Amino acid sequence: MIDAMVVQNPYEMGYQGIKLMKALVKDDKDTIKKMLPNHGQKEGDIYDTGLRVVVPDDSSLLKAEIFDKNTEFMKLSKFKEWLDKYKLTGS
């Protein structure tokens, strides 16, 4: 039995990655500061494009409260609706 599936967001990863690369090339300080407020500092930044945690409709030991604000928690039926909405067969 699988209790959960973790799904990345490849579209958002690509979109935000290109947006940041353009800002770095064009020296767009406003965009860089918004995306990476600690840019250039020792510990730097990680830009989070979020995750989806998908759990079975009937039950799961996992609860949304244990994940951070950038993690979308959803039931399998809602995930399937999301896939159908964008005409995807997988993510």
N, C-alpha and C. Protein backbone atom coordinates (compact mmCIF):
# COMPACT_ATOMS: atom_id res chain seq x y z
N MET A 1 0.83 -1.18 0.00
CA MET A 1 0.00 0.00 0.00
C MET A 1 0.88 1.25 0.00
N ILE A 2 0.48 2.20 -0.77
CA ILE A 2 1.15 3.50 -0.79
C ILE A 2 0.24 4.49 -0.08
N ASP A 3 0.77 5.19 0.92
CA ASP A 3 -0.04 6.12 1.68
C ASP A 3 0.00 7.53 1.11
N ALA A 4 1.00 7.83 0.29
CA ALA A 4 1.09 9.18 -0.28
C ALA A 4 1.98 9.18 -1.51
N MET A 5 1.79 10.21 -2.32
CA MET A 5 2.62 10.41 -3.50
C MET A 5 3.02 11.89 -3.47
N VAL A 6 4.29 12.17 -3.71
CA VAL A 6 4.79 13.54 -3.74
C VAL A 6 5.04 13.92 -5.19
N VAL A 7 4.44 15.05 -5.60
CA VAL A 7 4.47 15.46 -7.00
C VAL A 7 5.10 16.84 -7.11
N GLN A 8 6.10 16.96 -7.96
CA GLN A 8 6.72 18.26 -8.22
C GLN A 8 5.90 19.01 -9.27
N ASN A 9 6.28 20.26 -9.52
CA ASN A 9 5.59 21.09 -10.49
C ASN A 9 6.59 21.49 -11.58
N PRO A 10 6.80 20.64 -12.58
CA PRO A 10 7.83 20.94 -13.59
C PRO A 10 7.57 22.20 -14.39
N TYR A 11 6.30 22.53 -14.67
CA TYR A 11 6.01 23.76 -15.40
C TYR A 11 6.49 24.97 -14.60
N GLU A 12 6.11 25.01 -13.32
CA GLU A 12 6.49 26.15 -12.48
C GLU A 12 8.01 26.22 -12.31
N MET A 13 8.66 25.07 -12.22
CA MET A 13 10.13 25.04 -12.09
C MET A 13 10.77 25.68 -13.33
N GLY A 14 10.27 25.31 -14.51
CA GLY A 14 10.81 25.87 -15.75
C GLY A 14 10.51 27.35 -15.89
N TYR A 15 9.27 27.73 -15.62
CA TYR A 15 8.85 29.13 -15.75
C TYR A 15 9.66 30.03 -14.82
N GLN A 16 9.71 29.67 -13.55
CA GLN A 16 10.43 30.50 -12.58
C GLN A 16 11.94 30.48 -12.83
N GLY A 17 12.46 29.36 -13.30
CA GLY A 17 13.88 29.27 -13.61
C GLY A 17 14.27 30.23 -14.73
N ILE A 18 13.46 30.28 -15.78
CA ILE A 18 13.73 31.20 -16.90
C ILE A 18 13.56 32.64 -16.45
N LYS A 19 12.53 32.91 -15.65
CA LYS A 19 12.31 34.26 -15.12
C LYS A 19 13.53 34.73 -14.32
N LEU A 20 14.07 33.85 -13.48
CA LEU A 20 15.24 34.21 -12.69
C LEU A 20 16.48 34.37 -13.56
N MET A 21 16.68 33.47 -14.51
CA MET A 21 17.85 33.59 -15.39
C MET A 21 17.82 34.90 -16.16
N LYS A 22 16.64 35.27 -16.68
CA LYS A 22 16.51 36.54 -17.40
C LYS A 22 16.86 37.71 -16.48
N ALA A 23 16.34 37.68 -15.25
CA ALA A 23 16.62 38.75 -14.29
C ALA A 23 18.11 38.84 -13.99
N LEU A 24 18.77 37.70 -13.86
CA LEU A 24 20.21 37.70 -13.58
C LEU A 24 21.00 38.25 -14.77
N VAL A 25 20.63 37.85 -15.99
CA VAL A 25 21.32 38.33 -17.19
C VAL A 25 21.10 39.82 -17.39
N LYS A 26 19.87 40.29 -17.18
CA LYS A 26 19.53 41.71 -17.38
C LYS A 26 19.83 42.57 -16.16
N ASP A 27 20.34 41.94 -15.10
CA ASP A 27 20.62 42.63 -13.83
C ASP A 27 19.38 43.36 -13.31
N ASP A 28 18.23 42.65 -13.36
CA ASP A 28 16.95 43.17 -12.87
C ASP A 28 16.91 42.95 -11.36
N LYS A 29 17.43 43.90 -10.64
CA LYS A 29 17.58 43.78 -9.19
C LYS A 29 16.25 43.60 -8.46
N ASP A 30 15.18 44.23 -8.94
CA ASP A 30 13.88 44.09 -8.28
C ASP A 30 13.38 42.64 -8.33
N THR A 31 13.43 42.03 -9.50
CA THR A 31 12.98 40.64 -9.65
C THR A 31 13.87 39.70 -8.85
N ILE A 32 15.17 39.92 -8.91
CA ILE A 32 16.10 39.07 -8.16
C ILE A 32 15.80 39.17 -6.67
N LYS A 33 15.59 40.38 -6.18
CA LYS A 33 15.33 40.58 -4.75
C LYS A 33 14.02 39.92 -4.32
N LYS A 34 13.00 39.97 -5.20
CA LYS A 34 11.72 39.33 -4.88
C LYS A 34 11.86 37.81 -4.84
N MET A 35 12.60 37.26 -5.79
CA MET A 35 12.72 35.81 -5.88
C MET A 35 13.76 35.26 -4.91
N LEU A 36 14.85 35.97 -4.75
CA LEU A 36 15.96 35.52 -3.89
C LEU A 36 16.39 36.65 -2.95
N PRO A 37 15.64 36.88 -1.88
CA PRO A 37 15.96 38.00 -1.00
C PRO A 37 17.34 37.92 -0.35
N ASN A 38 17.93 36.73 -0.28
CA ASN A 38 19.26 36.57 0.32
C ASN A 38 20.35 36.32 -0.72
N HIS A 39 20.08 36.70 -1.97
CA HIS A 39 21.03 36.48 -3.06
C HIS A 39 22.38 37.14 -2.75
N GLY A 40 23.44 36.38 -2.93
CA GLY A 40 24.79 36.89 -2.71
C GLY A 40 25.29 36.72 -1.29
N GLN A 41 24.42 36.34 -0.37
CA GLN A 41 24.84 36.12 1.01
C GLN A 41 25.37 34.69 1.15
N LYS A 42 26.07 34.46 2.22
CA LYS A 42 26.74 33.17 2.42
C LYS A 42 25.80 31.98 2.28
N GLU A 43 24.66 32.01 2.95
CA GLU A 43 23.72 30.87 2.89
C GLU A 43 22.81 30.94 1.67
N GLY A 44 22.70 32.11 1.06
CA GLY A 44 21.93 32.25 -0.17
C GLY A 44 20.45 31.96 -0.01
N ASP A 45 19.83 31.49 -1.07
CA ASP A 45 18.39 31.23 -1.10
C ASP A 45 18.10 29.92 -1.80
N ILE A 46 16.92 29.41 -1.54
CA ILE A 46 16.34 28.33 -2.32
C ILE A 46 14.98 28.82 -2.75
N TYR A 47 14.71 28.82 -4.05
CA TYR A 47 13.41 29.25 -4.54
C TYR A 47 12.50 28.02 -4.60
N ASP A 48 11.45 28.03 -3.86
CA ASP A 48 10.56 26.89 -3.72
C ASP A 48 9.38 27.02 -4.68
N THR A 49 9.25 26.09 -5.62
CA THR A 49 8.12 26.10 -6.54
C THR A 49 6.99 25.21 -6.05
N GLY A 50 7.14 24.68 -4.85
CA GLY A 50 6.07 23.92 -4.22
C GLY A 50 6.03 22.45 -4.60
N LEU A 51 5.30 21.73 -3.80
CA LEU A 51 5.07 20.30 -4.01
C LEU A 51 3.60 20.02 -3.79
N ARG A 52 3.15 18.91 -4.34
CA ARG A 52 1.82 18.40 -4.02
C ARG A 52 2.01 17.07 -3.31
N VAL A 53 1.32 16.89 -2.22
CA VAL A 53 1.27 15.61 -1.54
C VAL A 53 -0.13 15.06 -1.78
N VAL A 54 -0.19 13.92 -2.44
CA VAL A 54 -1.47 13.31 -2.81
C VAL A 54 -1.68 12.08 -1.95
N VAL A 55 -2.84 12.01 -1.31
CA VAL A 55 -3.17 10.89 -0.42
C VAL A 55 -4.44 10.21 -0.90
N PRO A 56 -4.65 8.96 -0.51
CA PRO A 56 -5.89 8.26 -0.89
C PRO A 56 -7.13 9.01 -0.40
N ASP A 57 -8.24 8.83 -1.10
CA ASP A 57 -9.49 9.48 -0.71
C ASP A 57 -10.03 8.97 0.62
N ASP A 58 -9.87 7.68 0.85
CA ASP A 58 -10.53 7.09 2.02
C ASP A 58 -9.80 7.32 3.34
N SER A 59 -8.49 7.25 3.34
CA SER A 59 -7.77 7.47 4.60
C SER A 59 -6.29 7.65 4.35
N SER A 60 -5.66 8.32 5.27
CA SER A 60 -4.21 8.51 5.23
C SER A 60 -3.75 8.91 6.61
N LEU A 61 -2.58 8.45 6.98
CA LEU A 61 -2.00 8.86 8.26
C LEU A 61 -1.45 10.28 8.18
N LEU A 62 -1.20 10.75 6.95
CA LEU A 62 -0.65 12.09 6.77
C LEU A 62 -1.76 13.13 6.82
N LYS A 63 -1.45 14.27 7.40
CA LYS A 63 -2.40 15.39 7.48
C LYS A 63 -1.74 16.64 6.93
N ALA A 64 -2.53 17.52 6.35
CA ALA A 64 -2.03 18.74 5.72
C ALA A 64 -1.22 19.61 6.69
N GLU A 65 -1.57 19.58 7.96
CA GLU A 65 -0.94 20.45 8.95
C GLU A 65 0.56 20.20 9.14
N ILE A 66 1.04 19.03 8.75
CA ILE A 66 2.45 18.74 8.98
C ILE A 66 3.37 19.28 7.87
N PHE A 67 2.77 19.83 6.80
CA PHE A 67 3.55 20.33 5.68
C PHE A 67 3.63 21.85 5.71
N ASP A 68 4.65 22.41 5.06
CA ASP A 68 4.79 23.87 5.04
C ASP A 68 3.79 24.49 4.07
N LYS A 69 3.75 25.83 4.06
CA LYS A 69 2.75 26.58 3.29
C LYS A 69 2.90 26.40 1.78
N ASN A 70 4.06 25.99 1.30
CA ASN A 70 4.27 25.82 -0.14
C ASN A 70 3.92 24.42 -0.63
N THR A 71 3.45 23.57 0.29
CA THR A 71 3.07 22.21 -0.09
C THR A 71 1.56 22.11 -0.17
N GLU A 72 1.09 21.72 -1.34
CA GLU A 72 -0.35 21.55 -1.54
C GLU A 72 -0.71 20.11 -1.19
N PHE A 73 -1.66 19.94 -0.32
CA PHE A 73 -2.09 18.63 0.16
C PHE A 73 -3.44 18.34 -0.48
N MET A 74 -3.58 17.21 -1.17
CA MET A 74 -4.85 16.92 -1.83
C MET A 74 -5.15 15.43 -1.86
N LYS A 75 -6.43 15.14 -1.95
CA LYS A 75 -6.89 13.76 -2.09
C LYS A 75 -6.69 13.32 -3.54
N LEU A 76 -6.59 12.02 -3.73
CA LEU A 76 -6.34 11.45 -5.05
C LEU A 76 -7.40 11.88 -6.07
N SER A 77 -8.66 11.89 -5.69
CA SER A 77 -9.71 12.27 -6.64
C SER A 77 -9.52 13.71 -7.12
N LYS A 78 -9.11 14.63 -6.24
CA LYS A 78 -8.85 16.02 -6.63
C LYS A 78 -7.64 16.11 -7.55
N PHE A 79 -6.63 15.28 -7.27
CA PHE A 79 -5.44 15.26 -8.13
C PHE A 79 -5.82 14.78 -9.53
N LYS A 80 -6.66 13.76 -9.61
CA LYS A 80 -7.10 13.26 -10.92
C LYS A 80 -7.88 14.34 -11.67
N GLU A 81 -8.72 15.11 -10.95
CA GLU A 81 -9.44 16.23 -11.58
C GLU A 81 -8.45 17.26 -12.11
N TRP A 82 -7.40 17.54 -11.34
CA TRP A 82 -6.38 18.50 -11.75
C TRP A 82 -5.69 18.01 -13.03
N LEU A 83 -5.34 16.72 -13.08
CA LEU A 83 -4.72 16.16 -14.28
C LEU A 83 -5.66 16.30 -15.47
N ASP A 84 -6.93 15.96 -15.27
CA ASP A 84 -7.91 16.06 -16.36
C ASP A 84 -8.07 17.50 -16.84
N LYS A 85 -8.08 18.44 -15.92
CA LYS A 85 -8.25 19.86 -16.27
C LYS A 85 -7.20 20.31 -17.26
N TYR A 86 -5.97 19.85 -17.09
CA TYR A 86 -4.86 20.24 -17.96
C TYR A 86 -4.54 19.19 -19.02
N LYS A 87 -5.41 18.20 -19.13
CA LYS A 87 -5.25 17.12 -20.11
C LYS A 87 -3.91 16.41 -19.98
N LEU A 88 -3.56 16.12 -18.72
CA LEU A 88 -2.31 15.42 -18.41
C LEU A 88 -2.61 13.98 -18.05
N THR A 89 -1.66 13.10 -18.35
CA THR A 89 -1.81 11.72 -17.95
C THR A 89 -0.89 11.36 -16.80
N GLY A 90 0.00 12.24 -16.48
CA GLY A 90 0.94 12.07 -15.37
C GLY A 90 1.53 13.43 -15.08
N SER A 91 2.33 13.50 -14.08
CA SER A 91 2.91 14.80 -13.78
C SER A 91 4.38 14.67 -13.46
